[in-house]
Amino acid sequence: METSSGQSRLKRGADTAVTTGLFLAQGFFTLQYAPRALLPALNLLGKICAVAGLFVIGGLARSEFLKHAGPRGEGTWPLPKTLVDTGLYAIVRHPMSLGLMISSAGLMMIGQHWTSIAIGAGLILYLYVAARREEPLNQQQFGVAYVAYMERVPRINAIAGLVRRATQRSRS
């Protein structure tokens, strides 16, 4: 019988594998069709989104996450020892997913082809569903602290998170 920690690692590992596969497939089709893109301004905006989402948002979120992570142990990804609610995690609950979503949208704008758009839309939907599926696991691991975190920080809406954070800071 598998423990809840083992199930959690298995689900997160499967999510990582599916996400990586979809992102690589989208990248492949984007590279195939980018030279034929009809809208250069959209192509440039896509490049900015792809880089910002993957390296800036994703990189900063990963760095913040790993500050709080335990040892790697089994599985592909360490689990945090404590609830991470600092850095980008104070703005959205799933900043790494948000970063990949923004990168995927950027790849859609770069490629401007139905294959990149279809795979990207599927990836964005998958990331959203995976974030929703992860929340009960986080509630189980962190209890009431995660429920309170859910009440004050939006899942992936960065605009609402920034407004909420600015409002909280102005009150203090």
N, C-alpha and C. Protein backbone atom coordinates (compact mmCIF):
# COMPACT_ATOMS: atom_id res chain seq x y z
N MET A 1 0.84 -1.18 0.00
CA MET A 1 0.00 0.00 0.00
C MET A 1 0.89 1.24 0.00
N GLU A 2 0.55 2.22 -0.82
CA GLU A 2 1.37 3.42 -0.94
C GLU A 2 0.92 4.48 0.06
N THR A 3 1.87 5.18 0.61
CA THR A 3 1.55 6.24 1.57
C THR A 3 1.03 7.46 0.83
N SER A 4 0.39 8.39 1.59
CA SER A 4 -0.10 9.60 0.95
C SER A 4 1.06 10.42 0.41
N SER A 5 2.21 10.38 1.09
CA SER A 5 3.38 11.09 0.59
C SER A 5 3.85 10.46 -0.72
N GLY A 6 3.81 9.14 -0.79
CA GLY A 6 4.20 8.44 -2.02
C GLY A 6 3.23 8.74 -3.15
N GLN A 7 1.93 8.78 -2.85
CA GLN A 7 0.93 9.12 -3.86
C GLN A 7 1.12 10.54 -4.33
N SER A 8 1.41 11.43 -3.40
CA SER A 8 1.64 12.83 -3.73
C SER A 8 2.82 12.96 -4.68
N ARG A 9 3.91 12.28 -4.37
CA ARG A 9 5.10 12.32 -5.23
C ARG A 9 4.80 11.72 -6.60
N LEU A 10 4.03 10.64 -6.62
CA LEU A 10 3.69 9.99 -7.88
C LEU A 10 2.84 10.93 -8.75
N LYS A 11 1.84 11.58 -8.15
CA LYS A 11 1.00 12.50 -8.91
C LYS A 11 1.81 13.68 -9.42
N ARG A 12 2.67 14.21 -8.58
CA ARG A 12 3.49 15.36 -9.00
C ARG A 12 4.49 14.94 -10.08
N GLY A 13 5.02 13.74 -9.98
CA GLY A 13 5.93 13.24 -11.01
C GLY A 13 5.23 13.05 -12.34
N ALA A 14 3.99 12.51 -12.30
CA ALA A 14 3.21 12.34 -13.53
C ALA A 14 2.88 13.70 -14.14
N ASP A 15 2.51 14.66 -13.31
CA ASP A 15 2.23 16.01 -13.81
C ASP A 15 3.46 16.61 -14.47
N THR A 16 4.62 16.42 -13.86
CA THR A 16 5.87 16.94 -14.43
C THR A 16 6.15 16.29 -15.78
N ALA A 17 5.94 14.99 -15.88
CA ALA A 17 6.20 14.27 -17.14
C ALA A 17 5.26 14.74 -18.25
N VAL A 18 3.97 14.86 -17.95
CA VAL A 18 3.00 15.30 -18.95
C VAL A 18 3.28 16.74 -19.37
N THR A 19 3.52 17.61 -18.39
CA THR A 19 3.81 19.01 -18.68
C THR A 19 5.05 19.15 -19.55
N THR A 20 6.10 18.44 -19.21
CA THR A 20 7.34 18.51 -19.98
C THR A 20 7.12 18.02 -21.41
N GLY A 21 6.41 16.92 -21.55
CA GLY A 21 6.14 16.38 -22.89
C GLY A 21 5.34 17.34 -23.74
N LEU A 22 4.29 17.92 -23.18
CA LEU A 22 3.49 18.87 -23.94
C LEU A 22 4.29 20.13 -24.30
N PHE A 23 5.08 20.62 -23.35
CA PHE A 23 5.87 21.83 -23.60
C PHE A 23 6.91 21.58 -24.70
N LEU A 24 7.55 20.42 -24.67
CA LEU A 24 8.53 20.09 -25.71
C LEU A 24 7.86 19.93 -27.07
N ALA A 25 6.69 19.28 -27.10
CA ALA A 25 5.96 19.13 -28.36
C ALA A 25 5.56 20.49 -28.91
N GLN A 26 5.06 21.37 -28.02
CA GLN A 26 4.69 22.71 -28.46
C GLN A 26 5.91 23.46 -28.98
N GLY A 27 7.03 23.34 -28.29
CA GLY A 27 8.26 23.99 -28.73
C GLY A 27 8.70 23.51 -30.10
N PHE A 28 8.57 22.19 -30.34
CA PHE A 28 8.93 21.63 -31.64
C PHE A 28 8.10 22.25 -32.75
N PHE A 29 6.77 22.28 -32.57
CA PHE A 29 5.91 22.84 -33.61
C PHE A 29 6.09 24.35 -33.75
N THR A 30 6.39 25.01 -32.66
CA THR A 30 6.65 26.45 -32.73
C THR A 30 7.88 26.71 -33.60
N LEU A 31 8.94 25.94 -33.37
CA LEU A 31 10.16 26.11 -34.18
C LEU A 31 9.91 25.79 -35.65
N GLN A 32 9.03 24.84 -35.92
CA GLN A 32 8.71 24.48 -37.30
C GLN A 32 8.04 25.63 -38.04
N TYR A 33 7.12 26.31 -37.36
CA TYR A 33 6.28 27.28 -38.06
C TYR A 33 6.64 28.74 -37.80
N ALA A 34 7.50 29.03 -36.84
CA ALA A 34 7.86 30.42 -36.53
C ALA A 34 8.41 31.19 -37.73
N PRO A 35 9.24 30.57 -38.58
CA PRO A 35 9.76 31.34 -39.73
C PRO A 35 8.66 31.82 -40.68
N ARG A 36 7.48 31.18 -40.64
CA ARG A 36 6.39 31.55 -41.53
C ARG A 36 5.33 32.40 -40.83
N ALA A 37 5.59 32.83 -39.61
CA ALA A 37 4.62 33.62 -38.85
C ALA A 37 4.27 34.89 -39.61
N LEU A 38 2.99 35.22 -39.64
CA LEU A 38 2.52 36.34 -40.44
C LEU A 38 2.55 37.68 -39.70
N LEU A 39 2.53 37.65 -38.40
CA LEU A 39 2.46 38.89 -37.61
C LEU A 39 3.74 39.06 -36.79
N PRO A 40 4.69 39.84 -37.30
CA PRO A 40 5.97 40.01 -36.60
C PRO A 40 5.84 40.60 -35.19
N ALA A 41 4.91 41.54 -34.99
CA ALA A 41 4.74 42.15 -33.66
C ALA A 41 4.27 41.09 -32.66
N LEU A 42 3.36 40.21 -33.10
CA LEU A 42 2.89 39.14 -32.23
C LEU A 42 4.01 38.15 -31.94
N ASN A 43 4.84 37.91 -32.94
CA ASN A 43 6.00 37.03 -32.77
C ASN A 43 6.95 37.59 -31.71
N LEU A 44 7.21 38.90 -31.76
CA LEU A 44 8.09 39.54 -30.78
C LEU A 44 7.47 39.49 -29.38
N LEU A 45 6.19 39.80 -29.26
CA LEU A 45 5.51 39.72 -27.96
C LEU A 45 5.57 38.29 -27.42
N GLY A 46 5.41 37.33 -28.30
CA GLY A 46 5.50 35.92 -27.89
C GLY A 46 6.87 35.57 -27.34
N LYS A 47 7.91 36.08 -27.96
CA LYS A 47 9.27 35.81 -27.47
C LYS A 47 9.47 36.40 -26.08
N ILE A 48 8.94 37.60 -25.86
CA ILE A 48 9.05 38.23 -24.54
C ILE A 48 8.29 37.41 -23.50
N CYS A 49 7.08 36.99 -23.84
CA CYS A 49 6.27 36.18 -22.91
C CYS A 49 6.94 34.83 -22.63
N ALA A 50 7.46 34.20 -23.67
CA ALA A 50 8.07 32.88 -23.49
C ALA A 50 9.27 32.96 -22.55
N VAL A 51 10.11 33.96 -22.74
CA VAL A 51 11.30 34.11 -21.89
C VAL A 51 10.90 34.54 -20.49
N ALA A 52 10.03 35.53 -20.39
CA ALA A 52 9.61 36.02 -19.06
C ALA A 52 8.92 34.93 -18.27
N GLY A 53 8.03 34.19 -18.90
CA GLY A 53 7.31 33.14 -18.19
C GLY A 53 8.20 32.03 -17.70
N LEU A 54 9.06 31.56 -18.59
CA LEU A 54 9.89 30.41 -18.25
C LEU A 54 11.04 30.77 -17.32
N PHE A 55 11.78 31.80 -17.67
CA PHE A 55 13.00 32.07 -16.92
C PHE A 55 12.80 33.04 -15.75
N VAL A 56 11.98 34.07 -15.94
CA VAL A 56 11.81 35.05 -14.86
C VAL A 56 10.83 34.51 -13.83
N ILE A 57 9.58 34.31 -14.22
CA ILE A 57 8.57 33.85 -13.26
C ILE A 57 8.90 32.44 -12.77
N GLY A 58 9.11 31.51 -13.70
CA GLY A 58 9.42 30.14 -13.31
C GLY A 58 10.70 30.02 -12.51
N GLY A 59 11.73 30.74 -12.92
CA GLY A 59 13.02 30.67 -12.21
C GLY A 59 12.95 31.25 -10.82
N LEU A 60 12.31 32.41 -10.68
CA LEU A 60 12.17 33.01 -9.35
C LEU A 60 11.32 32.14 -8.44
N ALA A 61 10.24 31.58 -8.97
CA ALA A 61 9.38 30.71 -8.17
C ALA A 61 10.12 29.45 -7.74
N ARG A 62 10.84 28.85 -8.66
CA ARG A 62 11.60 27.63 -8.33
C ARG A 62 12.64 27.92 -7.25
N SER A 63 13.32 29.05 -7.37
CA SER A 63 14.33 29.44 -6.38
C SER A 63 13.70 29.60 -5.00
N GLU A 64 12.57 30.28 -4.94
CA GLU A 64 11.87 30.48 -3.66
C GLU A 64 11.40 29.14 -3.09
N PHE A 65 10.87 28.28 -3.96
CA PHE A 65 10.39 26.97 -3.55
C PHE A 65 11.53 26.14 -2.95
N LEU A 66 12.67 26.12 -3.62
CA LEU A 66 13.78 25.28 -3.18
C LEU A 66 14.40 25.76 -1.86
N LYS A 67 14.22 27.04 -1.52
CA LYS A 67 14.69 27.53 -0.22
C LYS A 67 13.98 26.80 0.93
N HIS A 68 12.75 26.37 0.67
CA HIS A 68 11.92 25.75 1.70
C HIS A 68 11.81 24.24 1.54
N ALA A 69 12.46 23.68 0.55
CA ALA A 69 12.30 22.26 0.24
C ALA A 69 13.16 21.38 1.13
N GLY A 70 12.67 20.20 1.33
CA GLY A 70 13.43 19.18 2.05
C GLY A 70 14.35 18.46 1.09
N PRO A 71 14.96 17.39 1.53
CA PRO A 71 15.85 16.63 0.64
C PRO A 71 15.06 16.00 -0.50
N ARG A 72 15.75 15.75 -1.60
CA ARG A 72 15.09 15.16 -2.77
C ARG A 72 14.49 13.80 -2.45
N GLY A 73 15.27 12.96 -1.79
CA GLY A 73 14.77 11.63 -1.45
C GLY A 73 14.27 10.90 -2.68
N GLU A 74 13.13 10.23 -2.54
CA GLU A 74 12.55 9.52 -3.68
C GLU A 74 11.83 10.52 -4.58
N GLY A 75 11.63 10.17 -5.81
CA GLY A 75 10.88 11.03 -6.71
C GLY A 75 11.75 12.07 -7.39
N THR A 76 11.10 12.87 -8.20
CA THR A 76 11.83 13.82 -9.02
C THR A 76 11.89 15.21 -8.40
N TRP A 77 11.09 15.51 -7.42
CA TRP A 77 10.97 16.87 -6.92
C TRP A 77 10.89 16.85 -5.41
N PRO A 78 11.67 17.66 -4.74
CA PRO A 78 11.57 17.70 -3.27
C PRO A 78 10.27 18.36 -2.83
N LEU A 79 9.75 17.92 -1.72
CA LEU A 79 8.56 18.55 -1.17
C LEU A 79 8.99 19.56 -0.11
N PRO A 80 8.29 20.68 -0.02
CA PRO A 80 8.69 21.69 0.97
C PRO A 80 8.45 21.20 2.39
N LYS A 81 9.33 21.62 3.31
CA LYS A 81 9.18 21.28 4.72
C LYS A 81 8.15 22.18 5.38
N THR A 82 8.03 23.41 4.87
CA THR A 82 7.07 24.37 5.41
C THR A 82 6.29 24.97 4.24
N LEU A 83 5.17 25.60 4.57
CA LEU A 83 4.36 26.26 3.57
C LEU A 83 5.16 27.43 2.97
N VAL A 84 5.24 27.47 1.66
CA VAL A 84 5.95 28.55 0.98
C VAL A 84 4.93 29.62 0.64
N ASP A 85 5.05 30.79 1.28
CA ASP A 85 4.11 31.89 1.01
C ASP A 85 4.85 33.22 0.88
N THR A 86 6.09 33.14 0.44
CA THR A 86 6.91 34.33 0.26
C THR A 86 7.28 34.47 -1.22
N GLY A 87 7.84 35.60 -1.58
CA GLY A 87 8.23 35.83 -2.97
C GLY A 87 7.01 35.79 -3.87
N LEU A 88 7.14 35.12 -5.01
CA LEU A 88 6.01 35.03 -5.93
C LEU A 88 4.85 34.22 -5.34
N TYR A 89 5.15 33.36 -4.36
CA TYR A 89 4.10 32.58 -3.71
C TYR A 89 3.19 33.45 -2.84
N ALA A 90 3.57 34.69 -2.59
CA ALA A 90 2.70 35.64 -1.88
C ALA A 90 1.74 36.32 -2.85
N ILE A 91 1.97 36.14 -4.15
CA ILE A 91 1.11 36.76 -5.18
C ILE A 91 0.16 35.73 -5.78
N VAL A 92 0.67 34.55 -6.12
CA VAL A 92 -0.16 33.44 -6.61
C VAL A 92 0.29 32.15 -5.95
N ARG A 93 -0.64 31.21 -5.81
CA ARG A 93 -0.30 29.94 -5.15
C ARG A 93 0.51 29.00 -6.04
N HIS A 94 0.44 29.18 -7.33
CA HIS A 94 1.12 28.27 -8.26
C HIS A 94 1.93 29.07 -9.29
N PRO A 95 2.96 29.78 -8.84
CA PRO A 95 3.71 30.63 -9.79
C PRO A 95 4.49 29.85 -10.84
N MET A 96 4.95 28.65 -10.53
CA MET A 96 5.67 27.88 -11.56
C MET A 96 4.71 27.49 -12.68
N SER A 97 3.51 27.10 -12.33
CA SER A 97 2.49 26.78 -13.35
C SER A 97 2.14 28.03 -14.15
N LEU A 98 1.97 29.16 -13.46
CA LEU A 98 1.67 30.40 -14.15
C LEU A 98 2.78 30.76 -15.13
N GLY A 99 4.03 30.60 -14.72
CA GLY A 99 5.15 30.88 -15.60
C GLY A 99 5.12 30.02 -16.86
N LEU A 100 4.82 28.74 -16.69
CA LEU A 100 4.72 27.85 -17.86
C LEU A 100 3.54 28.23 -18.74
N MET A 101 2.43 28.64 -18.12
CA MET A 101 1.27 29.07 -18.90
C MET A 101 1.61 30.29 -19.76
N ILE A 102 2.31 31.25 -19.17
CA ILE A 102 2.71 32.45 -19.91
C ILE A 102 3.69 32.08 -21.02
N SER A 103 4.63 31.19 -20.73
CA SER A 103 5.58 30.73 -21.76
C SER A 103 4.85 30.02 -22.89
N SER A 104 3.89 29.19 -22.54
CA SER A 104 3.13 28.47 -23.55
C SER A 104 2.34 29.43 -24.43
N ALA A 105 1.73 30.44 -23.81
CA ALA A 105 1.02 31.46 -24.59
C ALA A 105 2.01 32.17 -25.51
N GLY A 106 3.22 32.42 -25.02
CA GLY A 106 4.25 33.04 -25.85
C GLY A 106 4.61 32.18 -27.04
N LEU A 107 4.74 30.87 -26.82
CA LEU A 107 5.04 29.96 -27.93
C LEU A 107 3.92 29.97 -28.97
N MET A 108 2.67 30.10 -28.52
CA MET A 108 1.55 30.20 -29.46
C MET A 108 1.70 31.43 -30.35
N MET A 109 2.11 32.55 -29.73
CA MET A 109 2.28 33.79 -30.49
C MET A 109 3.48 33.73 -31.42
N ILE A 110 4.51 33.01 -31.02
CA ILE A 110 5.70 32.88 -31.88
C ILE A 110 5.37 32.03 -33.10
N GLY A 111 4.78 30.86 -32.89
CA GLY A 111 4.53 29.92 -33.98
C GLY A 111 3.39 30.33 -34.89
N GLN A 112 2.33 30.90 -34.31
CA GLN A 112 1.16 31.33 -35.06
C GLN A 112 0.64 30.23 -36.00
N HIS A 113 0.58 29.03 -35.46
CA HIS A 113 0.08 27.88 -36.23
C HIS A 113 -0.85 27.06 -35.35
N TRP A 114 -1.82 26.42 -35.95
CA TRP A 114 -2.83 25.71 -35.17
C TRP A 114 -2.24 24.61 -34.29
N THR A 115 -1.14 23.97 -34.73
CA THR A 115 -0.58 22.89 -33.90
C THR A 115 -0.01 23.45 -32.59
N SER A 116 0.71 24.54 -32.67
CA SER A 116 1.27 25.17 -31.47
C SER A 116 0.15 25.69 -30.57
N ILE A 117 -0.88 26.26 -31.20
CA ILE A 117 -2.01 26.80 -30.43
C ILE A 117 -2.78 25.68 -29.74
N ALA A 118 -3.04 24.59 -30.46
CA ALA A 118 -3.79 23.48 -29.87
C ALA A 118 -3.02 22.82 -28.72
N ILE A 119 -1.75 22.56 -28.93
CA ILE A 119 -0.95 21.94 -27.87
C ILE A 119 -0.81 22.91 -26.70
N GLY A 120 -0.58 24.19 -26.99
CA GLY A 120 -0.47 25.19 -25.93
C GLY A 120 -1.74 25.33 -25.11
N ALA A 121 -2.88 25.34 -25.78
CA ALA A 121 -4.16 25.43 -25.06
C ALA A 121 -4.35 24.20 -24.18
N GLY A 122 -3.98 23.03 -24.71
CA GLY A 122 -4.06 21.81 -23.91
C GLY A 122 -3.14 21.86 -22.70
N LEU A 123 -1.94 22.37 -22.91
CA LEU A 123 -0.97 22.48 -21.81
C LEU A 123 -1.47 23.45 -20.73
N ILE A 124 -1.98 24.59 -21.15
CA ILE A 124 -2.50 25.57 -20.18
C ILE A 124 -3.65 24.97 -19.39
N LEU A 125 -4.56 24.29 -20.06
CA LEU A 125 -5.68 23.64 -19.37
C LEU A 125 -5.16 22.57 -18.41
N TYR A 126 -4.20 21.76 -18.86
CA TYR A 126 -3.63 20.72 -18.01
C TYR A 126 -2.98 21.31 -16.76
N LEU A 127 -2.22 22.40 -16.94
CA LEU A 127 -1.57 23.04 -15.80
C LEU A 127 -2.59 23.57 -14.80
N TYR A 128 -3.67 24.13 -15.29
CA TYR A 128 -4.72 24.64 -14.40
C TYR A 128 -5.36 23.49 -13.61
N VAL A 129 -5.69 22.42 -14.31
CA VAL A 129 -6.29 21.26 -13.64
C VAL A 129 -5.31 20.65 -12.64
N ALA A 130 -4.05 20.55 -13.01
CA ALA A 130 -3.03 20.00 -12.09
C ALA A 130 -2.89 20.87 -10.84
N ALA A 131 -2.96 22.19 -11.00
CA ALA A 131 -2.88 23.09 -9.85
C ALA A 131 -4.08 22.87 -8.93
N ARG A 132 -5.25 22.72 -9.50
CA ARG A 132 -6.45 22.45 -8.68
C ARG A 132 -6.34 21.10 -7.97
N ARG A 133 -5.80 20.10 -8.67
CA ARG A 133 -5.65 18.76 -8.10
C ARG A 133 -4.61 18.73 -6.99
N GLU A 134 -3.63 19.62 -7.06
CA GLU A 134 -2.57 19.66 -6.06
C GLU A 134 -3.03 20.28 -4.74
N GLU A 135 -4.03 21.10 -4.79
CA GLU A 135 -4.43 21.83 -3.59
C GLU A 135 -4.93 20.94 -2.45
N PRO A 136 -5.71 19.89 -2.71
CA PRO A 136 -6.07 19.01 -1.59
C PRO A 136 -4.85 18.32 -0.97
N LEU A 137 -3.84 18.02 -1.79
CA LEU A 137 -2.61 17.43 -1.26
C LEU A 137 -1.91 18.43 -0.34
N ASN A 138 -1.89 19.69 -0.75
CA ASN A 138 -1.28 20.72 0.09
C ASN A 138 -2.08 20.95 1.37
N GLN A 139 -3.40 20.89 1.26
CA GLN A 139 -4.24 21.02 2.46
C GLN A 139 -3.96 19.88 3.43
N GLN A 140 -3.80 18.70 2.88
CA GLN A 140 -3.50 17.53 3.71
C GLN A 140 -2.14 17.69 4.39
N GLN A 141 -1.17 18.22 3.68
CA GLN A 141 0.17 18.35 4.23
C GLN A 141 0.29 19.52 5.22
N PHE A 142 -0.34 20.67 4.91
CA PHE A 142 -0.14 21.87 5.72
C PHE A 142 -1.36 22.28 6.55
N GLY A 143 -2.48 21.60 6.35
CA GLY A 143 -3.67 21.81 7.18
C GLY A 143 -4.26 23.21 7.09
N VAL A 144 -4.60 23.74 8.25
CA VAL A 144 -5.29 25.03 8.36
C VAL A 144 -4.45 26.16 7.76
N ALA A 145 -3.14 26.07 7.87
CA ALA A 145 -2.27 27.11 7.32
C ALA A 145 -2.47 27.24 5.81
N TYR A 146 -2.67 26.11 5.12
CA TYR A 146 -2.87 26.19 3.66
C TYR A 146 -4.25 26.73 3.34
N VAL A 147 -5.25 26.38 4.14
CA VAL A 147 -6.59 26.91 3.92
C VAL A 147 -6.57 28.44 4.06
N ALA A 148 -5.89 28.95 5.06
CA ALA A 148 -5.76 30.40 5.24
C ALA A 148 -5.00 31.02 4.07
N TYR A 149 -3.97 30.33 3.59
CA TYR A 149 -3.20 30.79 2.44
C TYR A 149 -4.09 30.87 1.20
N MET A 150 -4.96 29.86 1.01
CA MET A 150 -5.88 29.86 -0.12
C MET A 150 -6.84 31.05 -0.07
N GLU A 151 -7.21 31.45 1.13
CA GLU A 151 -8.15 32.57 1.27
C GLU A 151 -7.50 33.90 0.94
N ARG A 152 -6.19 34.03 1.15
CA ARG A 152 -5.55 35.33 0.93
C ARG A 152 -4.76 35.44 -0.37
N VAL A 153 -4.47 34.30 -1.03
CA VAL A 153 -3.65 34.34 -2.25
C VAL A 153 -4.39 33.59 -3.36
N PRO A 154 -4.61 34.25 -4.52
CA PRO A 154 -5.30 33.57 -5.62
C PRO A 154 -4.47 32.44 -6.22
N ARG A 155 -5.16 31.51 -6.87
CA ARG A 155 -4.49 30.34 -7.44
C ARG A 155 -3.47 30.74 -8.51
N ILE A 156 -3.91 31.42 -9.59
CA ILE A 156 -2.97 31.81 -10.65
C ILE A 156 -3.22 33.22 -11.17
N ASN A 157 -4.18 33.93 -10.63
CA ASN A 157 -4.50 35.28 -11.10
C ASN A 157 -3.50 36.28 -10.51
N ALA A 158 -2.44 36.54 -11.24
CA ALA A 158 -1.38 37.41 -10.74
C ALA A 158 -1.85 38.85 -10.56
N ILE A 159 -2.75 39.31 -11.41
CA ILE A 159 -3.25 40.69 -11.28
C ILE A 159 -3.99 40.84 -9.96
N ALA A 160 -4.90 39.91 -9.67
CA ALA A 160 -5.62 39.96 -8.39
C ALA A 160 -4.65 39.82 -7.21
N GLY A 161 -3.65 38.98 -7.36
CA GLY A 161 -2.66 38.79 -6.30
C GLY A 161 -1.86 40.05 -6.04
N LEU A 162 -1.46 40.75 -7.11
CA LEU A 162 -0.71 42.00 -6.95
C LEU A 162 -1.57 43.09 -6.32
N VAL A 163 -2.83 43.18 -6.75
CA VAL A 163 -3.74 44.17 -6.17
C VAL A 163 -3.98 43.87 -4.70
N ARG A 164 -4.23 42.62 -4.39
CA ARG A 164 -4.46 42.22 -3.00
C ARG A 164 -3.23 42.52 -2.13
N ARG A 165 -2.08 42.21 -2.66
CA ARG A 165 -0.83 42.45 -1.91
C ARG A 165 -0.60 43.95 -1.70
N ALA A 166 -0.83 44.75 -2.73
CA ALA A 166 -0.67 46.20 -2.61
C ALA A 166 -1.66 46.77 -1.61
N THR A 167 -2.88 46.27 -1.62
CA THR A 167 -3.91 46.71 -0.68
C THR A 167 -3.51 46.37 0.75
N GLN A 168 -3.00 45.15 0.94
CA GLN A 168 -2.56 44.73 2.29
C GLN A 168 -1.41 45.59 2.76
N ARG A 169 -0.48 45.91 1.89
CA ARG A 169 0.69 46.71 2.28
C ARG A 169 0.28 48.14 2.61
N SER A 170 -0.70 48.67 1.88
CA SER A 170 -1.12 50.06 2.16
C SER A 170 -1.86 50.15 3.48
N ARG A 171 -2.49 49.07 3.91
CA ARG A 171 -3.19 49.05 5.19
C ARG A 171 -2.23 48.96 6.38
N SER A 172 -1.04 48.38 6.13
CA SER A 172 -0.09 48.18 7.22
C SER A 172 0.70 49.42 7.55
